[in-house]
Protein backbone atom coordinates (compact mmCIF):
# COMPACT_ATOMS: atom_id res chain seq x y z
CA MET A 1 -7.40 -8.63 2.74
CA TYR A 2 -9.15 -8.25 5.54
CA LYS A 3 -5.52 -9.37 7.49
CA PHE A 4 -3.66 -6.94 5.02
CA LEU A 5 -6.13 -4.22 6.47
CA ILE A 6 -5.26 -4.94 9.97
CA ARG A 7 -1.70 -5.49 9.80
CA ARG A 8 -1.40 -2.21 8.35
CA ILE A 9 -3.81 -0.57 10.76
CA LEU A 10 -1.46 -1.79 13.77
CA PHE A 11 1.43 -0.98 12.22
CA LEU A 12 0.01 3.01 12.06
CA ILE A 13 -0.97 2.77 15.52
CA LEU A 14 2.80 1.40 16.81
CA THR A 15 4.23 3.90 14.06
CA LEU A 16 2.30 6.75 15.56
CA LEU A 17 3.29 5.61 19.31
CA ILE A 18 6.97 5.84 18.11
CA VAL A 19 6.72 8.73 16.62
CA SER A 20 5.19 10.65 19.55
CA VAL A 21 8.00 9.28 21.63
CA VAL A 22 10.48 10.91 18.98
CA ILE A 23 8.61 14.02 18.50
CA PHE A 24 8.45 14.51 22.59
CA ALA A 25 11.75 13.97 22.77
CA VAL A 26 13.03 16.55 20.27
CA SER A 27 10.64 18.97 21.52
CA GLU A 28 12.46 18.26 25.12
CA LEU A 29 15.90 18.77 23.65
CA ALA A 30 15.10 21.64 21.50
CA PRO A 31 17.18 24.67 22.43
CA GLY A 32 15.20 27.53 24.36
CA ASN A 33 13.55 28.57 27.40
CA ILE A 34 9.68 28.49 27.19
CA ALA A 35 9.08 30.86 30.06
CA ILE A 36 11.32 33.47 28.57
CA ASN A 37 9.87 33.24 25.31
CA THR A 38 6.32 33.57 26.77
CA LEU A 39 7.09 36.00 29.47
CA GLY A 40 10.30 38.14 28.20
CA ASN A 41 13.70 37.92 29.48
CA THR A 42 13.37 40.35 31.99
CA ILE A 43 11.22 37.95 34.41
CA THR A 44 13.08 36.99 37.73
CA PRO A 45 13.96 33.71 38.73
CA GLU A 46 10.90 33.37 41.13
CA GLN A 47 8.53 34.32 38.50
CA GLU A 48 10.14 31.61 35.89
CA ALA A 49 10.05 28.97 38.86
CA SER A 50 6.48 29.88 38.91
CA PHE A 51 5.39 29.57 35.66
CA ASN A 52 7.21 26.16 35.34
CA ALA A 53 5.46 24.98 38.12
CA GLN A 54 1.96 26.26 36.97
CA ASN A 55 2.34 24.85 33.15
CA GLY A 56 3.94 21.61 34.83
CA LEU A 57 6.91 22.13 33.37
CA ASP A 58 8.93 21.20 36.23
CA GLN A 59 7.77 17.56 36.49
CA PRO A 60 10.12 14.92 34.98
CA ALA A 61 9.68 14.16 31.49
CA LEU A 62 7.88 10.85 31.88
CA THR A 63 4.90 12.42 33.44
CA ARG A 64 4.59 15.06 31.04
CA TYR A 65 4.74 12.75 28.15
CA THR A 66 2.09 10.83 29.84
CA ARG A 67 -0.09 13.50 30.74
CA TRP A 68 0.41 15.10 27.03
CA MET A 69 -1.09 11.58 25.37
CA VAL A 70 -4.11 10.51 27.83
CA GLY A 71 -4.33 13.85 29.53
CA SER A 72 -4.26 14.91 33.30
CA ASP A 73 -8.01 15.50 34.38
CA TRP A 74 -8.56 11.71 35.41
CA GLN A 75 -5.72 11.84 37.93
CA ALA A 76 -6.94 15.46 39.00
CA GLY A 77 -10.59 13.96 39.71
CA SER A 78 -9.12 11.34 41.88
CA LEU A 79 -7.08 13.80 43.97
CA VAL A 80 -9.66 16.33 43.97
CA GLY A 81 -12.56 13.97 44.86
CA TYR A 82 -14.91 14.90 42.71
CA PRO A 83 -15.14 14.82 38.37
CA VAL A 84 -14.09 17.58 36.60
CA HIS A 85 -14.85 19.21 33.78
CA ARG A 86 -14.02 21.57 31.13
CA ILE A 87 -16.94 24.33 30.28
CA TYR A 88 -17.00 26.87 27.62
CA ASP A 89 -17.14 30.63 29.09
CA ALA A 90 -19.08 32.74 26.00
CA SER A 91 -18.47 35.81 28.10
CA ASN A 92 -14.40 35.81 27.56
CA ASP A 93 -14.58 33.23 24.90
CA ARG A 94 -12.27 30.65 26.88
CA TYR A 95 -12.48 27.42 28.33
CA SER A 96 -12.50 26.92 32.20
CA TRP A 97 -11.75 23.96 34.39
CA TRP A 98 -14.64 22.95 37.15
CA ALA A 99 -15.27 20.35 39.65
CA GLU A 100 -18.71 18.96 39.78
CA GLY A 101 -19.90 18.74 43.60
CA ASP A 102 -22.21 16.07 44.82
CA ASN A 103 -25.02 18.51 44.28
CA GLY A 104 -24.70 19.20 40.59
CA VAL A 105 -22.91 22.54 41.43
CA PHE A 106 -19.56 23.39 39.54
CA PHE A 107 -17.11 24.96 41.58
CA GLN A 108 -13.26 26.25 41.93
CA ASN A 109 -11.44 26.60 44.92
CA PHE A 110 -9.31 29.21 46.40
CA THR A 111 -7.52 30.74 49.53
CA VAL A 112 -5.87 34.00 50.73
CA ASP A 113 -4.30 33.17 53.81
CA ALA A 114 -3.47 29.17 53.44
CA GLU A 115 -5.58 28.80 56.59
CA THR A 116 -9.31 29.12 54.87
CA MET A 117 -10.17 27.20 51.94
CA TYR A 118 -13.07 28.92 49.81
CA ARG A 119 -15.28 27.35 47.07
CA SER A 120 -16.32 29.43 44.60
CA GLU A 121 -19.66 27.90 42.97
CA LEU A 122 -20.86 28.69 39.40
CA GLN A 123 -24.31 30.01 39.56
CA PRO A 124 -27.15 29.69 36.99
CA ASP A 125 -26.82 33.19 35.26
CA GLY A 126 -22.64 32.80 35.43
CA SER A 127 -21.92 34.33 38.21
CA THR A 128 -19.96 33.00 41.20
CA ARG A 129 -20.52 32.66 44.99
CA ASP A 130 -17.86 32.26 47.32
CA VAL A 131 -18.60 29.71 50.21
CA ALA A 132 -15.61 29.35 53.47
CA LEU A 133 -15.39 25.65 53.99
CA PRO A 134 -14.97 24.20 57.18
CA ALA A 135 -11.32 23.46 58.83
CA ASP A 136 -11.66 19.71 58.39
CA VAL A 137 -11.37 20.00 54.74
CA TRP A 138 -7.67 20.08 55.78
CA LYS A 139 -6.41 16.32 55.55
CA PRO A 140 -3.11 15.05 56.37
CA ASN A 141 -1.02 13.61 53.95
CA GLU A 142 1.52 10.58 54.26
CA ASP A 143 3.97 12.93 55.72
CA GLY A 144 1.16 14.08 58.36
CA ILE A 145 1.00 17.81 56.78
CA LEU A 146 -2.52 19.36 56.15
CA VAL A 147 -3.01 19.40 52.80
CA PHE A 148 -6.10 20.20 50.43
CA TRP A 149 -6.47 18.94 46.86
CA GLY A 150 -9.01 21.32 45.05
CA LEU A 151 -9.25 23.28 41.29
CA ASP A 152 -7.93 26.67 41.22
CA LYS A 153 -9.28 29.37 38.83
CA GLU A 154 -6.23 28.97 36.48
CA GLY A 155 -7.01 25.50 35.00
CA HIS A 156 -4.93 23.25 37.81
CA ALA A 157 -5.76 20.66 40.13
CA ALA A 158 -3.69 22.20 42.87
CA MET A 159 -2.62 21.11 46.49
CA TRP A 160 -2.44 23.75 48.86
CA VAL A 161 -0.26 23.45 52.58
CA LYS A 162 -2.20 24.88 55.62
CA GLY A 163 -0.30 27.75 56.75
CA GLU A 164 2.29 27.77 53.92
CA ASN A 165 1.43 30.98 52.51
CA LEU A 166 3.62 31.02 49.01
CA GLN A 167 3.26 33.50 46.27
CA GLU A 168 1.83 33.16 43.21
CA TRP A 169 3.27 34.78 40.03
CA THR A 170 0.81 35.40 37.10
CA LEU A 171 0.79 37.20 34.23
CA THR A 172 -2.25 39.53 33.48
CA THR A 173 -2.91 42.09 30.59
CA ALA A 174 -1.40 44.94 32.79
CA ALA A 175 1.51 43.56 34.90
CA TRP A 176 2.48 41.10 36.90
CA ALA A 177 0.36 39.99 39.57
CA ASN A 178 1.80 38.59 42.71
CA THR A 179 -1.15 36.55 44.73
CA PRO A 180 -0.97 35.24 48.27
CA GLY A 181 -2.49 31.72 49.22
CA ALA A 182 -0.76 29.72 46.09
CA PRO A 183 -0.50 26.07 45.95
CA ARG A 184 2.32 24.41 46.50
CA GLN A 185 1.69 21.67 43.44
CA TYR A 186 0.20 22.14 40.25
CA ILE A 187 -1.29 19.71 37.94
CA PRO A 188 -2.55 21.43 34.45
CA LEU A 189 -5.64 19.99 33.44
CA GLN A 190 -6.32 18.59 29.78
CA ARG A 191 -7.62 15.76 28.18
CA GLY A 192 -4.85 14.44 26.34
CA LEU A 193 -3.79 14.14 22.50
CA LEU A 194 -5.75 10.75 22.37
CA ARG A 195 -9.25 12.59 23.23
CA GLY A 196 -8.51 15.44 20.80
CA ASP A 197 -7.02 18.07 23.73
CA PRO A 198 -3.21 18.06 23.49
CA GLY A 199 -2.74 21.46 25.40
CA VAL A 200 -3.02 25.17 25.20
CA SER A 201 -0.58 27.20 23.40
CA PHE A 202 1.91 29.01 24.78
CA LEU A 203 1.94 31.74 22.54
CA THR A 204 -1.68 32.23 21.59
CA ARG A 205 -2.85 31.29 25.22
CA ARG A 206 -5.60 28.99 23.20
CA PRO A 207 -6.28 25.46 22.92
CA VAL A 208 -3.83 23.94 20.66
CA ALA A 209 -6.74 21.68 18.94
CA GLU A 210 -8.80 24.76 17.89
CA THR A 211 -6.22 26.62 16.24
CA LEU A 212 -4.71 23.24 14.78
CA ILE A 213 -8.10 22.48 13.21
CA ARG A 214 -8.58 25.96 11.57
CA ARG A 215 -4.92 25.88 10.04
CA ALA A 216 -5.09 22.76 8.74
CA THR A 217 -8.42 23.58 7.10
CA ASN A 218 -7.16 26.47 5.49
CA THR A 219 -3.97 24.10 4.22
CA GLY A 220 -6.15 21.66 3.16
CA ILE A 221 -8.32 24.42 1.00
CA LEU A 222 -5.14 25.73 -0.73
CA ALA A 223 -3.66 22.11 -0.93
CA GLY A 224 -6.60 20.67 -2.63
CA ILE A 225 -7.65 23.39 -4.91
CA ALA A 226 -3.76 23.02 -6.17
CA PHE A 227 -4.19 19.09 -6.09
CA ALA A 228 -7.06 19.68 -8.57
CA PHE A 229 -4.99 21.45 -10.84
CA ILE A 230 -1.94 20.04 -10.62
CA MET A 231 -2.82 16.29 -11.10
CA PRO A 232 -5.02 16.61 -14.42
CA ILE A 233 -2.76 18.82 -16.20
CA SER A 234 0.52 17.03 -15.06
CA LEU A 235 -0.92 13.44 -15.93
CA VAL A 236 -2.20 14.53 -19.50
CA LEU A 237 1.17 16.49 -20.36
CA GLY A 238 3.23 13.75 -19.34
CA LEU A 239 1.15 11.40 -21.25
CA ILE A 240 1.58 13.28 -24.29
CA ALA A 241 5.15 13.84 -23.54
CA GLY A 242 5.34 9.96 -23.30
CA LEU A 243 3.57 8.97 -26.67
CA ASN A 244 5.83 11.23 -28.35
CA GLU A 245 9.48 10.35 -27.16
CA GLY A 246 12.20 12.31 -28.68
CA LYS A 247 9.92 14.85 -30.80
CA PHE A 248 9.81 18.44 -30.10
CA ILE A 249 6.76 18.20 -28.02
CA ASP A 250 8.28 15.91 -25.71
CA ARG A 251 11.81 18.08 -25.69
CA LEU A 252 9.43 21.12 -24.79
CA LEU A 253 7.48 19.55 -22.29
CA SER A 254 10.43 17.67 -20.34
CA VAL A 255 12.56 21.10 -20.49
CA GLY A 256 9.52 23.19 -18.98
CA GLY A 257 8.75 20.64 -16.40
CA LEU A 258 12.65 20.31 -15.34
CA VAL A 259 12.86 23.92 -15.14
CA THR A 260 9.79 24.51 -12.87
CA THR A 261 10.81 21.84 -10.62
CA ALA A 262 14.32 23.02 -10.34
CA THR A 263 12.90 26.70 -9.44
CA PRO A 264 12.76 26.99 -5.71
CA GLU A 265 9.16 27.89 -4.13
CA PHE A 266 10.49 31.25 -2.94
CA ALA A 267 11.56 32.21 -6.45
CA SER A 268 8.58 31.26 -8.06
CA GLY A 269 6.44 32.78 -5.58
CA VAL A 270 8.36 36.25 -5.63
CA PHE A 271 8.68 36.39 -9.38
CA LEU A 272 4.83 35.59 -9.49
CA ILE A 273 4.28 38.12 -7.04
CA LEU A 274 6.47 40.95 -8.86
CA ILE A 275 4.67 40.04 -12.22
CA PHE A 276 1.03 39.66 -11.65
CA SER A 277 0.79 42.06 -8.29
CA THR A 278 3.34 44.76 -8.68
CA TRP A 279 3.38 45.06 -12.40
CA LEU A 280 0.10 43.87 -13.85
CA LYS A 281 -1.54 44.67 -10.61
CA LEU A 282 -4.14 41.81 -11.48
CA LEU A 283 -3.92 39.57 -8.40
CA PRO A 284 -3.77 40.27 -4.56
CA GLY A 285 0.08 39.33 -3.52
CA ALA A 286 -0.80 38.87 0.11
CA VAL A 287 -3.40 36.69 1.65
CA VAL A 288 -5.37 39.08 4.15
CA VAL A 289 -7.53 36.76 6.49
CA SER A 290 -9.81 38.99 8.66
CA SER A 291 -12.50 36.46 8.92
CA GLU A 292 -13.10 32.75 8.98
CA ASN A 293 -15.28 33.17 5.60
CA ALA A 294 -12.22 35.58 4.05
CA ILE A 295 -11.06 33.03 1.40
CA PHE A 296 -14.57 32.28 0.26
CA GLU A 297 -15.70 36.07 0.17
CA ASN A 298 -12.46 36.93 -2.06
CA PRO A 299 -11.17 33.53 -3.89
CA LEU A 300 -8.37 35.96 -5.74
CA MET A 301 -6.24 35.45 -2.86
CA LEU A 302 -5.67 32.20 -3.51
CA ALA A 303 -4.59 32.52 -7.07
CA LEU A 304 -0.84 33.12 -6.72
CA PRO A 305 -0.22 30.69 -3.91
CA VAL A 306 -2.09 28.04 -5.74
CA LEU A 307 -0.16 28.80 -9.07
CA THR A 308 3.22 28.82 -7.08
CA LEU A 309 2.49 25.47 -5.98
CA THR A 310 1.43 23.90 -9.24
CA LEU A 311 4.46 25.27 -10.97
CA VAL A 312 6.58 23.59 -8.65
CA GLU A 313 5.00 20.40 -8.63
CA LEU A 314 3.66 20.14 -12.41
CA GLY A 315 7.01 19.24 -13.84
CA TYR A 316 8.04 16.54 -11.23
CA VAL A 317 4.85 14.67 -12.01
CA LEU A 318 4.85 15.49 -15.42
CA ARG A 319 8.09 13.92 -15.57
CA ILE A 320 7.00 10.75 -13.48
CA THR A 321 4.28 10.08 -15.69
CA ARG A 322 6.27 10.47 -18.97
CA ALA A 323 8.88 8.26 -17.93
CA SER A 324 6.42 5.52 -16.97
CA MET A 325 4.68 6.29 -20.13
CA VAL A 326 7.41 5.68 -22.03
CA GLU A 327 8.19 2.52 -20.85
CA VAL A 328 5.19 0.69 -20.59
CA MET A 329 5.35 1.71 -24.52
CA ARG A 330 8.52 -0.38 -25.15
CA THR A 331 7.30 -3.69 -23.60
CA ASN A 332 6.84 -6.65 -25.47
CA TYR A 333 2.96 -6.62 -25.14
CA ILE A 334 2.63 -3.08 -26.37
CA ARG A 335 4.89 -3.86 -29.46
CA THR A 336 2.52 -7.36 -30.04
CA ALA A 337 -0.54 -4.93 -30.22
CA VAL A 338 0.74 -2.56 -32.37
CA LEU A 339 2.21 -5.46 -34.99
CA LYS A 340 -1.03 -7.06 -34.83
CA GLY A 341 -2.58 -3.79 -36.54
CA LEU A 342 -4.82 -2.51 -33.53
CA PRO A 343 -5.76 1.11 -33.45
CA ARG A 344 -3.45 3.01 -31.84
CA PHE A 345 -6.07 4.86 -29.30
CA ARG A 346 -7.03 1.05 -28.76
CA VAL A 347 -3.54 0.31 -27.61
CA VAL A 348 -2.93 3.54 -25.60
CA PHE A 349 -6.10 3.70 -23.44
CA LYS A 350 -7.01 -0.20 -23.27
CA HIS A 351 -3.45 -1.69 -22.73
CA ALA A 352 -1.24 0.96 -21.85
CA LEU A 353 -2.59 3.72 -19.86
CA ARG A 354 -3.59 1.55 -16.88
CA ASN A 355 0.13 0.26 -16.42
CA ALA A 356 1.72 3.50 -17.23
CA LEU A 357 -0.82 5.07 -14.15
CA MET A 358 0.81 2.85 -11.65
CA ALA A 359 3.74 4.63 -10.75
CA PRO A 360 2.54 8.65 -11.27
CA ILE A 361 -0.95 7.70 -9.02
CA THR A 362 1.31 6.44 -5.93
CA ILE A 363 3.38 9.21 -6.28
CA ILE A 364 0.35 11.67 -6.49
CA ILE A 365 -1.14 10.27 -3.10
CA LEU A 366 1.99 10.50 -1.48
CA HIS A 367 2.52 14.01 -2.54
CA VAL A 368 -0.65 14.85 -0.39
CA ASN A 369 2.26 14.66 2.58
CA TRP A 370 4.17 17.28 0.68
CA LEU A 371 0.78 19.59 0.13
CA MET A 372 -0.45 19.43 3.72
CA GLY A 373 3.14 20.19 5.70
CA GLY A 374 5.73 21.19 3.25
CA ILE A 375 4.32 24.30 2.05
CA VAL A 376 5.57 26.27 4.54
CA VAL A 377 7.52 28.11 2.48
CA VAL A 378 4.20 29.09 -0.01
CA GLU A 379 2.60 29.97 3.24
CA THR A 380 5.04 32.18 4.64
CA ILE A 381 5.80 34.20 1.53
CA PHE A 382 2.09 35.02 0.94
CA GLY A 383 1.25 35.46 4.43
CA TYR A 384 -1.29 32.67 4.44
CA PRO A 385 -2.68 31.28 7.59
CA GLY A 386 -1.90 27.60 7.10
CA LEU A 387 -0.40 24.51 9.03
CA GLY A 388 3.16 24.77 7.56
CA SER A 389 3.32 28.63 8.97
CA TYR A 390 1.38 27.43 11.89
CA VAL A 391 4.52 24.95 12.82
CA LEU A 392 6.92 27.32 11.60
CA ASP A 393 5.81 29.68 14.53
CA ALA A 394 5.27 27.32 17.17
CA ALA A 395 8.78 26.03 16.70
CA LEU A 396 10.58 28.96 16.57
CA PHE A 397 8.68 29.91 19.86
CA LYS A 398 9.11 26.58 21.48
CA ASP A 399 5.35 26.26 21.69
CA VAL A 400 5.90 22.49 22.54
CA PHE A 401 2.20 21.59 22.63
CA ALA A 402 1.33 23.14 19.38
CA VAL A 403 4.65 21.80 17.78
CA GLU A 404 3.82 18.06 19.19
CA ALA A 405 0.34 18.04 17.96
CA ALA A 406 0.72 19.36 14.68
CA SER A 407 3.90 16.84 13.94
CA MET A 408 1.46 13.94 15.08
CA PHE A 409 -1.40 15.41 12.64
CA LEU A 410 1.43 15.75 9.58
CA VAL A 411 2.35 12.14 10.64
CA PHE A 412 -0.95 10.48 10.62
CA ILE A 413 -1.39 12.25 7.17
CA ALA A 414 1.54 10.61 5.86
CA VAL A 415 0.69 6.90 7.60
CA GLY A 416 -2.84 7.20 6.22
CA THR A 417 -1.73 8.32 2.73
CA GLN A 418 0.62 5.40 2.78
CA LEU A 419 -1.88 3.19 3.51
CA PHE A 420 -4.26 4.58 1.10
CA ALA A 421 -1.79 4.49 -1.68
CA ASP A 422 -1.04 1.08 -1.29
CA PHE A 423 -4.61 -0.24 -1.73
CA ILE A 424 -4.92 2.35 -4.99
CA TYR A 425 -1.63 0.37 -5.97
CA THR A 426 -3.22 -2.96 -5.55
CA TYR A 427 -6.35 -2.20 -7.38
CA ILE A 428 -4.99 -0.63 -10.56
CA ASN A 429 -2.41 -3.50 -10.62
CA PRO A 430 -4.25 -6.82 -10.31
CA ARG A 431 -1.18 -9.04 -10.19
CA ILE A 432 -0.17 -7.25 -6.78
CA ARG A 433 -1.74 -9.91 -4.12
CA TYR A 434 -2.19 -8.71 0.28
CA ALA A 435 0.57 -11.17 1.28
């Protein structure tokens, strides 16, 4: 068993690695311009080039993939000469990168004329103090050019060239700002996907991990409630249909399950909104989340999304359970038990039920993947802020960091549930051995 477990974990790691390369490649090849999507189609070529440089989009694909996976702070620390840290600033609700000097003081760097470098030191009260650095901080590189590596105020490790007074374009809340003394080279700082920091979203300008966790939690709540309704109901109805093969109740449940499965999510959702929200005015037709606790404060908002998911999934699991039960009831050992005069209750629950549940249980576990990532239609219809709608919005915007991180999360869920399904299947069916 331990060899099986180790082998599957290694397979999981290899799968995630291969998928990460594929996801990154697809994100790179997808049509769209991140700079134009973020800043608008009126930007100038200079502004676009400055944006791409500041976000590392002008670097080779291999460099960007490496930074996305393992981060860039380790590289920045070696270039700057000091360890770098990400610190939360409660005053403006954002994270900032700072270098830690030998005296324990956190600082950032800037220049206004590419001649004198300054250090902006963080004070205990949250303010900063600007200190001019001596001229010998400029060091010659391999080409003999005087350069300085430091941390700018926008979350980059940056290389300034002495006397090269470049212009940096940044978008503020009011308008474009053209700042002198810009660096020649930028390294956007991030810890990397393997350390839980896949980058900053181009759409929200917030850390992707922060939004991803919140959206995944919302989807988990919706999927968990739907799962709790779908599985017991579908299993019971499927067993009833399978035990009454060919009878009226079997035909009724089979046809009903086929109808609910064949009806698309958007049709079921709109139909339920029309009945329960527009006509009867019993349930809200949209999910309005004004705070993190809004779902718990008004759980009725989840009624229609959960009902839509239940109707769509109920029929599929019901029919799988029915087919499995019918097949088991036709086996020789069940017929032998019946001919021996065993009570039907004992035949069903002691001999047939366990074998009949093997296929449905596996299908149920694998459907967690669909509930986590495939409910984008339901989330879009009801305006639910979940993971599916987050991936859709990010893909349309070409928010590559968000798409890549969310896709990796969904792949991890898929591979993890597959591993869990293997263990459950082996437990239910003792004839299966770990090979």
